[in-house]
Amino acid sequence: NAMFSENYQDRINGYYPYIDLKSFVDYYIITELSRNLDGYRVSTFFQKDKDSKGGKLTMGPFWDYNICFGNANFFSAGNTVGWVIDGMGNADSYAMPFWWQKFRLDPYFNSHLKIRWNEMKDKFINTTYINNLIDSCAYELKDASVRNFQTWNVLNSYVWPNNYVGGTYANELNYLRNWMKDRIDWMDSQIQPLV
């Protein structure tokens, strides 16, 4: 009811008293950064804390990231530009919850989005950190990846819903690195102008 209200941005009668704003901002950032097709509308969870802990709705846990990070060839998922929140078009019956669009129209939400984005960008959402994370995971999975692709020879084959077929594990890693860099750059260009 608060979000349906014309006064939804009111600090007392609007949505602010009901949600853990930071968790909604973090969810927005991670869902958009990963370009998660299952974000917002399916495989999406939130919970209400006990009243003794503030009683607010809190987004999370983060869940279901198999068709994201450029790893899908439908609903523009492979693109590094554009917002997931803008929808999937008429081809999908799982609509985006209306409140996310209303958040985007709220200067208070946007100010928190920009602040949080810049905090995360300084620490985690930058190409140095992301590339180091990718490299460390690839190192840990080095032997397992060899066994995996010996068992399932799929590196040069399309497997639904691949957006990219690299032919080699190294090419797949480079695709992910480049996709992440381009996605971060585009999101930064959209978030920095927010007031």
N, C-alpha and C. Protein backbone atom coordinates (compact mmCIF):
# COMPACT_ATOMS: atom_id res chain seq x y z
N ASN A 1 0.83 -1.21 0.00
CA ASN A 1 0.00 0.00 0.00
C ASN A 1 0.86 1.26 0.00
N ALA A 2 1.96 1.21 0.74
CA ALA A 2 2.86 2.37 0.77
C ALA A 2 3.42 2.64 -0.61
N MET A 3 3.80 1.60 -1.34
CA MET A 3 4.38 1.78 -2.68
C MET A 3 3.32 2.19 -3.69
N PHE A 4 2.07 1.77 -3.52
CA PHE A 4 1.00 2.19 -4.41
C PHE A 4 0.60 3.64 -4.18
N SER A 5 0.89 4.16 -3.02
CA SER A 5 0.48 5.50 -2.65
C SER A 5 1.17 6.55 -3.51
N GLU A 6 0.47 7.66 -3.74
CA GLU A 6 1.10 8.80 -4.43
C GLU A 6 2.21 9.39 -3.58
N ASN A 7 2.13 9.18 -2.27
CA ASN A 7 3.14 9.71 -1.34
C ASN A 7 4.17 8.65 -0.96
N TYR A 8 4.45 7.73 -1.88
CA TYR A 8 5.35 6.63 -1.54
C TYR A 8 6.75 7.10 -1.16
N GLN A 9 7.13 8.32 -1.57
CA GLN A 9 8.46 8.84 -1.24
C GLN A 9 8.47 9.58 0.10
N ASP A 10 7.33 9.69 0.74
CA ASP A 10 7.24 10.36 2.04
C ASP A 10 8.03 9.57 3.08
N ARG A 11 8.86 10.25 3.85
CA ARG A 11 9.76 9.57 4.78
C ARG A 11 9.02 8.87 5.92
N ILE A 12 7.79 9.30 6.21
CA ILE A 12 7.04 8.68 7.31
C ILE A 12 5.95 7.77 6.78
N ASN A 13 5.18 8.24 5.79
CA ASN A 13 4.04 7.48 5.29
C ASN A 13 4.35 6.66 4.04
N GLY A 14 5.55 6.80 3.52
CA GLY A 14 5.93 6.06 2.32
C GLY A 14 6.55 4.72 2.66
N TYR A 15 7.43 4.26 1.79
CA TYR A 15 7.98 2.92 1.94
C TYR A 15 9.18 2.84 2.90
N TYR A 16 9.81 3.96 3.21
CA TYR A 16 11.05 3.95 4.00
C TYR A 16 10.96 3.18 5.31
N PRO A 17 9.89 3.34 6.09
CA PRO A 17 9.84 2.63 7.37
C PRO A 17 9.74 1.10 7.24
N TYR A 18 9.45 0.59 6.04
CA TYR A 18 9.16 -0.82 5.88
C TYR A 18 10.30 -1.66 5.32
N ILE A 19 11.31 -1.02 4.75
CA ILE A 19 12.36 -1.81 4.10
C ILE A 19 13.74 -1.47 4.64
N ASP A 20 14.63 -2.45 4.56
CA ASP A 20 16.05 -2.23 4.80
C ASP A 20 16.60 -1.72 3.46
N LEU A 21 16.69 -0.42 3.35
CA LEU A 21 17.03 0.22 2.08
C LEU A 21 18.35 -0.28 1.51
N LYS A 22 19.36 -0.45 2.37
CA LYS A 22 20.67 -0.90 1.89
C LYS A 22 20.56 -2.27 1.21
N SER A 23 19.76 -3.17 1.75
CA SER A 23 19.64 -4.50 1.14
C SER A 23 18.96 -4.41 -0.22
N PHE A 24 18.01 -3.50 -0.40
CA PHE A 24 17.36 -3.32 -1.70
C PHE A 24 18.31 -2.69 -2.70
N VAL A 25 19.11 -1.74 -2.26
CA VAL A 25 20.11 -1.12 -3.13
C VAL A 25 21.16 -2.16 -3.55
N ASP A 26 21.65 -2.93 -2.59
CA ASP A 26 22.64 -3.97 -2.91
C ASP A 26 22.07 -4.99 -3.88
N TYR A 27 20.83 -5.38 -3.67
CA TYR A 27 20.21 -6.35 -4.57
C TYR A 27 20.11 -5.77 -5.98
N TYR A 28 19.72 -4.50 -6.07
CA TYR A 28 19.62 -3.83 -7.37
C TYR A 28 20.97 -3.84 -8.07
N ILE A 29 22.01 -3.47 -7.35
CA ILE A 29 23.35 -3.40 -7.95
C ILE A 29 23.81 -4.77 -8.44
N ILE A 30 23.69 -5.79 -7.61
CA ILE A 30 24.19 -7.12 -7.98
C ILE A 30 23.35 -7.72 -9.10
N THR A 31 22.05 -7.51 -9.06
CA THR A 31 21.18 -8.03 -10.12
C THR A 31 21.51 -7.38 -11.45
N GLU A 32 21.73 -6.08 -11.44
CA GLU A 32 22.07 -5.38 -12.68
C GLU A 32 23.50 -5.68 -13.13
N LEU A 33 24.43 -5.72 -12.19
CA LEU A 33 25.83 -6.01 -12.55
C LEU A 33 25.93 -7.36 -13.25
N SER A 34 25.22 -8.34 -12.73
CA SER A 34 25.26 -9.69 -13.31
C SER A 34 24.32 -9.84 -14.51
N ARG A 35 23.48 -8.85 -14.70
CA ARG A 35 22.42 -8.88 -15.73
C ARG A 35 21.63 -10.20 -15.58
N ASN A 36 21.17 -10.41 -14.36
CA ASN A 36 20.51 -11.65 -13.98
C ASN A 36 19.07 -11.69 -14.50
N LEU A 37 18.82 -12.57 -15.45
CA LEU A 37 17.48 -12.69 -16.03
C LEU A 37 16.46 -13.20 -15.03
N ASP A 38 16.92 -13.89 -14.01
CA ASP A 38 16.00 -14.38 -12.99
C ASP A 38 15.85 -13.40 -11.83
N GLY A 39 16.54 -12.27 -11.93
CA GLY A 39 16.46 -11.27 -10.88
C GLY A 39 15.12 -10.56 -10.88
N TYR A 40 14.77 -10.00 -9.74
CA TYR A 40 13.56 -9.21 -9.52
C TYR A 40 12.29 -10.04 -9.54
N ARG A 41 12.15 -10.99 -10.46
CA ARG A 41 10.86 -11.58 -10.77
C ARG A 41 10.73 -13.05 -10.47
N VAL A 42 11.80 -13.83 -10.58
CA VAL A 42 11.80 -15.24 -10.19
C VAL A 42 13.12 -15.49 -9.45
N SER A 43 13.20 -16.56 -8.71
CA SER A 43 14.41 -16.84 -7.93
C SER A 43 14.85 -15.63 -7.14
N THR A 44 13.89 -14.93 -6.58
CA THR A 44 14.15 -13.71 -5.83
C THR A 44 13.52 -13.85 -4.45
N PHE A 45 14.30 -13.53 -3.45
CA PHE A 45 13.83 -13.74 -2.09
C PHE A 45 14.03 -12.48 -1.25
N PHE A 46 13.11 -12.28 -0.32
CA PHE A 46 13.33 -11.33 0.75
C PHE A 46 12.62 -11.86 1.98
N GLN A 47 13.03 -11.34 3.13
CA GLN A 47 12.43 -11.79 4.37
C GLN A 47 12.15 -10.59 5.25
N LYS A 48 11.30 -10.81 6.22
CA LYS A 48 11.01 -9.76 7.20
C LYS A 48 11.72 -10.12 8.49
N ASP A 49 12.54 -9.21 8.98
CA ASP A 49 13.20 -9.42 10.26
C ASP A 49 12.16 -9.39 11.38
N LYS A 50 12.51 -10.01 12.50
CA LYS A 50 11.64 -9.94 13.67
C LYS A 50 11.50 -8.47 14.08
N ASP A 51 10.37 -8.16 14.68
CA ASP A 51 10.15 -6.79 15.14
C ASP A 51 11.25 -6.35 16.10
N SER A 52 11.77 -7.28 16.89
CA SER A 52 12.84 -6.95 17.83
C SER A 52 14.14 -6.58 17.12
N LYS A 53 14.22 -6.91 15.82
CA LYS A 53 15.41 -6.55 15.02
C LYS A 53 15.08 -5.46 14.00
N GLY A 54 14.01 -4.76 14.22
CA GLY A 54 13.63 -3.66 13.33
C GLY A 54 12.43 -3.98 12.46
N GLY A 55 12.16 -5.25 12.24
CA GLY A 55 10.95 -5.67 11.53
C GLY A 55 10.87 -5.25 10.08
N LYS A 56 11.98 -4.96 9.44
CA LYS A 56 11.95 -4.47 8.06
C LYS A 56 12.10 -5.60 7.05
N LEU A 57 11.56 -5.38 5.86
CA LEU A 57 11.76 -6.29 4.74
C LEU A 57 13.20 -6.14 4.26
N THR A 58 13.86 -7.27 4.09
CA THR A 58 15.27 -7.28 3.69
C THR A 58 15.42 -8.18 2.48
N MET A 59 16.05 -7.68 1.43
CA MET A 59 16.29 -8.48 0.23
C MET A 59 17.37 -9.52 0.51
N GLY A 60 17.20 -10.68 -0.13
CA GLY A 60 18.19 -11.73 -0.03
C GLY A 60 17.59 -12.99 0.53
N PRO A 61 18.31 -14.07 0.41
CA PRO A 61 19.68 -14.16 -0.09
C PRO A 61 19.73 -14.06 -1.62
N PHE A 62 20.91 -13.73 -2.12
CA PHE A 62 21.14 -13.73 -3.56
C PHE A 62 21.09 -15.18 -4.03
N TRP A 63 20.46 -15.39 -5.21
CA TRP A 63 20.18 -16.76 -5.60
C TRP A 63 20.06 -16.87 -7.12
N ASP A 64 20.52 -17.98 -7.67
CA ASP A 64 20.26 -18.39 -9.05
C ASP A 64 20.95 -17.50 -10.08
N TYR A 65 22.23 -17.75 -10.28
CA TYR A 65 23.04 -16.94 -11.18
C TYR A 65 23.62 -17.75 -12.34
N ASN A 66 22.90 -18.74 -12.81
CA ASN A 66 23.44 -19.56 -13.90
C ASN A 66 23.24 -18.94 -15.28
N ILE A 67 22.25 -18.10 -15.44
CA ILE A 67 22.05 -17.47 -16.75
C ILE A 67 22.24 -15.96 -16.63
N CYS A 68 23.44 -15.60 -16.24
CA CYS A 68 23.78 -14.19 -16.12
C CYS A 68 25.27 -14.02 -16.43
N PHE A 69 25.81 -12.87 -16.19
CA PHE A 69 27.21 -12.56 -16.52
C PHE A 69 27.50 -12.87 -17.99
N GLY A 70 26.54 -12.54 -18.85
CA GLY A 70 26.73 -12.72 -20.28
C GLY A 70 26.54 -14.14 -20.76
N ASN A 71 25.97 -15.01 -19.92
CA ASN A 71 25.86 -16.42 -20.26
C ASN A 71 24.45 -16.81 -20.68
N ALA A 72 23.80 -15.97 -21.45
CA ALA A 72 22.49 -16.33 -21.99
C ALA A 72 22.28 -15.55 -23.29
N ASN A 73 21.57 -16.18 -24.21
CA ASN A 73 21.39 -15.57 -25.53
C ASN A 73 19.95 -15.14 -25.79
N PHE A 74 19.22 -14.82 -24.74
CA PHE A 74 17.85 -14.33 -24.91
C PHE A 74 17.62 -13.16 -23.96
N PHE A 75 16.57 -12.39 -24.24
CA PHE A 75 16.25 -11.19 -23.46
C PHE A 75 17.44 -10.25 -23.33
N SER A 76 18.27 -10.18 -24.35
CA SER A 76 19.43 -9.28 -24.39
C SER A 76 20.44 -9.54 -23.27
N ALA A 77 20.44 -10.74 -22.74
CA ALA A 77 21.29 -11.05 -21.58
C ALA A 77 22.78 -10.94 -21.88
N GLY A 78 23.17 -11.14 -23.13
CA GLY A 78 24.58 -11.04 -23.47
C GLY A 78 25.06 -9.61 -23.62
N ASN A 79 24.13 -8.67 -23.72
CA ASN A 79 24.50 -7.26 -23.87
C ASN A 79 25.08 -6.72 -22.57
N THR A 80 26.03 -5.83 -22.69
CA THR A 80 26.59 -5.20 -21.51
C THR A 80 25.95 -3.85 -21.23
N VAL A 81 25.06 -3.42 -22.10
CA VAL A 81 24.34 -2.16 -21.89
C VAL A 81 22.86 -2.48 -21.68
N GLY A 82 22.20 -1.60 -20.97
CA GLY A 82 20.77 -1.75 -20.71
C GLY A 82 20.52 -2.32 -19.33
N TRP A 83 19.36 -1.98 -18.82
CA TRP A 83 18.96 -2.40 -17.48
C TRP A 83 18.06 -3.63 -17.55
N VAL A 84 18.32 -4.60 -16.72
CA VAL A 84 17.43 -5.77 -16.60
C VAL A 84 16.06 -5.31 -16.13
N ILE A 85 16.03 -4.34 -15.23
CA ILE A 85 14.77 -3.87 -14.65
C ILE A 85 13.82 -3.32 -15.70
N ASP A 86 14.34 -2.96 -16.86
CA ASP A 86 13.46 -2.44 -17.91
C ASP A 86 12.59 -3.52 -18.52
N GLY A 87 12.83 -4.77 -18.16
CA GLY A 87 11.91 -5.83 -18.53
C GLY A 87 12.42 -6.75 -19.61
N MET A 88 11.62 -7.77 -19.81
CA MET A 88 11.96 -8.84 -20.75
C MET A 88 11.11 -8.78 -22.01
N GLY A 89 10.30 -7.76 -22.14
CA GLY A 89 9.42 -7.68 -23.30
C GLY A 89 8.17 -8.50 -23.09
N ASN A 90 7.43 -8.72 -24.15
CA ASN A 90 6.16 -9.43 -24.06
C ASN A 90 6.31 -10.94 -24.07
N ALA A 91 7.52 -11.44 -24.22
CA ALA A 91 7.72 -12.87 -24.38
C ALA A 91 7.78 -13.62 -23.06
N ASP A 92 7.71 -12.93 -21.94
CA ASP A 92 7.84 -13.60 -20.66
C ASP A 92 6.67 -13.21 -19.76
N SER A 93 6.10 -14.19 -19.11
CA SER A 93 4.91 -13.92 -18.29
C SER A 93 5.25 -13.51 -16.85
N TYR A 94 6.52 -13.56 -16.48
CA TYR A 94 6.91 -13.17 -15.13
C TYR A 94 7.27 -11.69 -15.14
N ALA A 95 6.34 -10.87 -14.75
CA ALA A 95 6.53 -9.42 -14.81
C ALA A 95 7.44 -8.94 -13.68
N MET A 96 8.08 -7.82 -13.93
CA MET A 96 8.89 -7.18 -12.90
C MET A 96 7.94 -6.57 -11.86
N PRO A 97 8.20 -6.77 -10.58
CA PRO A 97 7.37 -6.12 -9.56
C PRO A 97 7.43 -4.60 -9.72
N PHE A 98 6.29 -3.99 -9.62
CA PHE A 98 6.16 -2.55 -9.91
C PHE A 98 7.03 -1.67 -9.03
N TRP A 99 7.33 -2.15 -7.81
CA TRP A 99 8.03 -1.25 -6.89
C TRP A 99 9.44 -0.94 -7.32
N TRP A 100 10.07 -1.79 -8.14
CA TRP A 100 11.44 -1.49 -8.58
C TRP A 100 11.46 -0.27 -9.48
N GLN A 101 10.48 -0.14 -10.34
CA GLN A 101 10.41 1.06 -11.19
C GLN A 101 10.16 2.30 -10.33
N LYS A 102 9.36 2.17 -9.29
CA LYS A 102 9.11 3.32 -8.42
C LYS A 102 10.36 3.71 -7.65
N PHE A 103 11.14 2.72 -7.22
CA PHE A 103 12.42 3.05 -6.58
C PHE A 103 13.27 3.90 -7.50
N ARG A 104 13.30 3.54 -8.77
CA ARG A 104 14.16 4.24 -9.74
C ARG A 104 13.75 5.69 -9.93
N LEU A 105 12.50 6.02 -9.60
CA LEU A 105 12.02 7.40 -9.72
C LEU A 105 12.23 8.21 -8.44
N ASP A 106 12.73 7.56 -7.42
CA ASP A 106 12.89 8.20 -6.12
C ASP A 106 14.31 8.74 -5.95
N PRO A 107 14.47 10.05 -5.84
CA PRO A 107 15.82 10.62 -5.67
C PRO A 107 16.55 10.08 -4.44
N TYR A 108 15.82 9.77 -3.38
CA TYR A 108 16.46 9.25 -2.17
C TYR A 108 17.05 7.87 -2.44
N PHE A 109 16.30 7.01 -3.11
CA PHE A 109 16.83 5.69 -3.49
C PHE A 109 18.04 5.87 -4.39
N ASN A 110 17.93 6.75 -5.38
CA ASN A 110 19.04 6.96 -6.32
C ASN A 110 20.28 7.50 -5.64
N SER A 111 20.11 8.36 -4.64
CA SER A 111 21.29 8.88 -3.94
C SER A 111 21.98 7.75 -3.19
N HIS A 112 21.19 6.86 -2.58
CA HIS A 112 21.78 5.70 -1.90
C HIS A 112 22.42 4.74 -2.90
N LEU A 113 21.80 4.59 -4.05
CA LEU A 113 22.36 3.75 -5.11
C LEU A 113 23.73 4.27 -5.54
N LYS A 114 23.82 5.55 -5.76
CA LYS A 114 25.09 6.12 -6.21
C LYS A 114 26.18 6.00 -5.13
N ILE A 115 25.82 6.29 -3.90
CA ILE A 115 26.79 6.18 -2.80
C ILE A 115 27.28 4.74 -2.67
N ARG A 116 26.34 3.81 -2.67
CA ARG A 116 26.71 2.40 -2.49
C ARG A 116 27.51 1.87 -3.68
N TRP A 117 27.12 2.26 -4.90
CA TRP A 117 27.86 1.86 -6.09
C TRP A 117 29.32 2.31 -5.97
N ASN A 118 29.53 3.55 -5.57
CA ASN A 118 30.89 4.07 -5.47
C ASN A 118 31.68 3.37 -4.37
N GLU A 119 31.03 3.02 -3.27
CA GLU A 119 31.71 2.23 -2.22
C GLU A 119 32.12 0.87 -2.78
N MET A 120 31.19 0.21 -3.45
CA MET A 120 31.48 -1.13 -4.00
C MET A 120 32.50 -1.05 -5.13
N LYS A 121 32.42 0.01 -5.92
CA LYS A 121 33.35 0.16 -7.03
C LYS A 121 34.78 0.32 -6.52
N ASP A 122 34.93 1.05 -5.44
CA ASP A 122 36.26 1.23 -4.87
C ASP A 122 36.84 -0.07 -4.32
N LYS A 123 35.97 -0.97 -3.86
CA LYS A 123 36.45 -2.19 -3.21
C LYS A 123 36.34 -3.44 -4.09
N PHE A 124 35.16 -3.66 -4.68
CA PHE A 124 34.88 -4.95 -5.32
C PHE A 124 34.49 -4.88 -6.78
N ILE A 125 33.80 -3.85 -7.16
CA ILE A 125 33.27 -3.78 -8.52
C ILE A 125 34.21 -2.94 -9.38
N ASN A 126 35.37 -3.49 -9.63
CA ASN A 126 36.34 -2.86 -10.53
C ASN A 126 37.10 -3.98 -11.22
N THR A 127 37.68 -3.67 -12.35
CA THR A 127 38.29 -4.73 -13.17
C THR A 127 39.46 -5.40 -12.46
N THR A 128 40.22 -4.67 -11.67
CA THR A 128 41.34 -5.29 -10.96
C THR A 128 40.84 -6.36 -10.00
N TYR A 129 39.87 -6.00 -9.17
CA TYR A 129 39.34 -6.97 -8.21
C TYR A 129 38.66 -8.13 -8.92
N ILE A 130 37.81 -7.82 -9.89
CA ILE A 130 37.06 -8.87 -10.61
C ILE A 130 38.02 -9.81 -11.34
N ASN A 131 39.01 -9.27 -12.04
CA ASN A 131 39.96 -10.13 -12.77
C ASN A 131 40.77 -11.00 -11.82
N ASN A 132 41.16 -10.44 -10.67
CA ASN A 132 41.86 -11.25 -9.67
C ASN A 132 40.97 -12.37 -9.14
N LEU A 133 39.70 -12.07 -8.95
CA LEU A 133 38.76 -13.09 -8.48
C LEU A 133 38.59 -14.19 -9.53
N ILE A 134 38.40 -13.80 -10.77
CA ILE A 134 38.28 -14.77 -11.86
C ILE A 134 39.54 -15.64 -11.94
N ASP A 135 40.70 -15.00 -11.89
CA ASP A 135 41.96 -15.74 -11.98
C ASP A 135 42.14 -16.69 -10.80
N SER A 136 41.78 -16.26 -9.60
CA SER A 136 41.95 -17.13 -8.43
C SER A 136 41.00 -18.32 -8.51
N CYS A 137 39.78 -18.10 -9.00
CA CYS A 137 38.84 -19.23 -9.17
C CYS A 137 39.33 -20.17 -10.27
N ALA A 138 39.82 -19.60 -11.36
CA ALA A 138 40.34 -20.44 -12.45
C ALA A 138 41.53 -21.27 -11.98
N TYR A 139 42.37 -20.68 -11.13
CA TYR A 139 43.51 -21.42 -10.60
C TYR A 139 43.04 -22.58 -9.73
N GLU A 140 42.10 -22.30 -8.85
CA GLU A 140 41.57 -23.36 -7.97
C GLU A 140 40.89 -24.47 -8.76
N LEU A 141 40.26 -24.11 -9.88
CA LEU A 141 39.52 -25.08 -10.69
C LEU A 141 40.34 -25.67 -11.83
N LYS A 142 41.62 -25.31 -11.90
CA LYS A 142 42.46 -25.70 -13.03
C LYS A 142 42.40 -27.21 -13.30
N ASP A 143 42.71 -28.02 -12.33
CA ASP A 143 42.70 -29.48 -12.54
C ASP A 143 41.28 -30.01 -12.77
N ALA A 144 40.35 -29.48 -12.01
CA ALA A 144 38.96 -29.93 -12.16
C ALA A 144 38.41 -29.55 -13.53
N SER A 145 38.81 -28.39 -14.05
CA SER A 145 38.30 -27.99 -15.36
C SER A 145 38.80 -28.93 -16.46
N VAL A 146 40.03 -29.39 -16.33
CA VAL A 146 40.55 -30.35 -17.31
C VAL A 146 39.71 -31.63 -17.29
N ARG A 147 39.47 -32.15 -16.08
CA ARG A 147 38.65 -33.36 -15.96
C ARG A 147 37.23 -33.11 -16.47
N ASN A 148 36.68 -31.96 -16.15
CA ASN A 148 35.32 -31.64 -16.58
C ASN A 148 35.20 -31.67 -18.09
N PHE A 149 36.11 -30.99 -18.78
CA PHE A 149 35.99 -30.90 -20.24
C PHE A 149 36.48 -32.17 -20.95
N GLN A 150 37.19 -33.03 -20.25
CA GLN A 150 37.46 -34.37 -20.80
C GLN A 150 36.19 -35.21 -20.76
N THR A 151 35.43 -35.05 -19.69
CA THR A 151 34.18 -35.80 -19.54
C THR A 151 33.08 -35.23 -20.42
N TRP A 152 32.95 -33.92 -20.42
CA TRP A 152 31.92 -33.25 -21.23
C TRP A 152 32.62 -32.32 -22.21
N ASN A 153 32.77 -32.74 -23.41
CA ASN A 153 33.49 -32.00 -24.44
C ASN A 153 32.57 -30.93 -25.04
N VAL A 154 32.39 -29.84 -24.29
CA VAL A 154 31.41 -28.82 -24.69
C VAL A 154 32.04 -27.46 -25.01
N LEU A 155 33.35 -27.35 -24.91
CA LEU A 155 33.97 -26.04 -25.09
C LEU A 155 33.77 -25.46 -26.48
N ASN A 156 33.56 -26.31 -27.45
CA ASN A 156 33.36 -25.82 -28.82
C ASN A 156 31.94 -26.10 -29.29
N SER A 157 31.02 -26.28 -28.33
CA SER A 157 29.64 -26.60 -28.67
C SER A 157 28.69 -25.64 -27.97
N TYR A 158 27.62 -25.34 -28.65
CA TYR A 158 26.57 -24.53 -28.02
C TYR A 158 25.82 -25.40 -27.03
N VAL A 159 25.71 -24.91 -25.80
CA VAL A 159 24.90 -25.55 -24.76
C VAL A 159 23.94 -24.48 -24.27
N TRP A 160 22.64 -24.78 -24.36
CA TRP A 160 21.65 -23.77 -23.97
C TRP A 160 21.96 -23.22 -22.61
N PRO A 161 21.93 -21.91 -22.44
CA PRO A 161 21.60 -20.84 -23.39
C PRO A 161 22.82 -20.01 -23.74
N ASN A 162 23.94 -20.63 -24.03
CA ASN A 162 25.19 -19.89 -24.27
C ASN A 162 25.01 -18.70 -25.19
N ASN A 163 25.58 -17.60 -24.76
CA ASN A 163 25.66 -16.42 -25.60
C ASN A 163 26.97 -16.44 -26.38
N TYR A 164 27.94 -17.16 -25.86
CA TYR A 164 29.29 -17.18 -26.44
C TYR A 164 29.82 -18.61 -26.36
N VAL A 165 30.42 -19.07 -27.44
CA VAL A 165 31.10 -20.37 -27.46
C VAL A 165 32.55 -20.08 -27.82
N GLY A 166 33.44 -20.21 -26.83
CA GLY A 166 34.81 -19.78 -27.00
C GLY A 166 35.77 -20.80 -27.57
N GLY A 167 35.41 -22.05 -27.46
CA GLY A 167 36.29 -23.09 -27.99
C GLY A 167 37.36 -23.55 -27.03
N THR A 168 37.77 -22.65 -26.13
CA THR A 168 38.77 -23.01 -25.12
C THR A 168 38.37 -22.40 -23.78
N TYR A 169 38.88 -23.00 -22.72
CA TYR A 169 38.62 -22.48 -21.38
C TYR A 169 39.19 -21.06 -21.25
N ALA A 170 40.37 -20.83 -21.79
CA ALA A 170 40.99 -19.50 -21.73
C ALA A 170 40.13 -18.46 -22.44
N ASN A 171 39.56 -18.81 -23.58
CA ASN A 171 38.69 -17.88 -24.29
C ASN A 171 37.44 -17.57 -23.47
N GLU A 172 36.89 -18.59 -22.82
CA GLU A 172 35.71 -18.37 -21.97
C GLU A 172 36.04 -17.41 -20.83
N LEU A 173 37.20 -17.58 -20.22
CA LEU A 173 37.61 -16.68 -19.14
C LEU A 173 37.81 -15.26 -19.65
N ASN A 174 38.43 -15.11 -20.81
CA ASN A 174 38.62 -13.78 -21.39
C ASN A 174 37.28 -13.12 -21.72
N TYR A 175 36.35 -13.91 -22.22
CA TYR A 175 35.01 -13.38 -22.50
C TYR A 175 34.39 -12.81 -21.22
N LEU A 176 34.50 -13.58 -20.13
CA LEU A 176 33.93 -13.13 -18.86
C LEU A 176 34.63 -11.86 -18.37
N ARG A 177 35.95 -11.81 -18.47
CA ARG A 177 36.68 -10.61 -18.05
C ARG A 177 36.23 -9.39 -18.86
N ASN A 178 36.17 -9.54 -20.17
CA ASN A 178 35.78 -8.41 -21.03
C ASN A 178 34.32 -8.01 -20.81
N TRP A 179 33.46 -9.01 -20.64
CA TRP A 179 32.04 -8.73 -20.41
C TRP A 179 31.88 -7.93 -19.12
N MET A 180 32.57 -8.35 -18.07
CA MET A 180 32.48 -7.65 -16.79
C MET A 180 33.01 -6.22 -16.89
N LYS A 181 34.12 -6.05 -17.57
CA LYS A 181 34.66 -4.69 -17.72
C LYS A 181 33.66 -3.79 -18.43
N ASP A 182 33.10 -4.27 -19.53
CA ASP A 182 32.15 -3.46 -20.28
C ASP A 182 30.87 -3.19 -19.48
N ARG A 183 30.43 -4.16 -18.72
CA ARG A 183 29.22 -3.98 -17.90
C ARG A 183 29.46 -2.95 -16.81
N ILE A 184 30.60 -3.06 -16.12
CA ILE A 184 30.94 -2.09 -15.08
C ILE A 184 31.03 -0.69 -15.66
N ASP A 185 31.70 -0.55 -16.80
CA ASP A 185 31.85 0.76 -17.42
C ASP A 185 30.49 1.36 -17.77
N TRP A 186 29.60 0.55 -18.35
CA TRP A 186 28.29 1.07 -18.74
C TRP A 186 27.48 1.47 -17.50
N MET A 187 27.46 0.60 -16.49
CA MET A 187 26.69 0.94 -15.28
C MET A 187 27.24 2.19 -14.63
N ASP A 188 28.55 2.32 -14.58
CA ASP A 188 29.15 3.51 -14.00
C ASP A 188 28.72 4.76 -14.75
N SER A 189 28.67 4.67 -16.07
CA SER A 189 28.25 5.83 -16.88
C SER A 189 26.80 6.21 -16.63
N GLN A 190 25.99 5.27 -16.17
CA GLN A 190 24.58 5.54 -15.89
C GLN A 190 24.34 5.99 -14.45
N ILE A 191 25.14 5.48 -13.54
CA ILE A 191 24.93 5.78 -12.11
C ILE A 191 25.60 7.09 -11.69
N GLN A 192 26.75 7.42 -12.24
CA GLN A 192 27.45 8.63 -11.80
C GLN A 192 26.64 9.90 -12.02
N PRO A 193 25.86 10.03 -13.10
CA PRO A 193 25.09 11.27 -13.27
C PRO A 193 23.91 11.42 -12.31
N LEU A 194 23.55 10.34 -11.57
CA LEU A 194 22.42 10.45 -10.65
C LEU A 194 22.71 11.52 -9.61
N VAL A 195 21.68 12.26 -9.26
CA VAL A 195 21.83 13.33 -8.26
C VAL A 195 21.32 12.85 -6.93
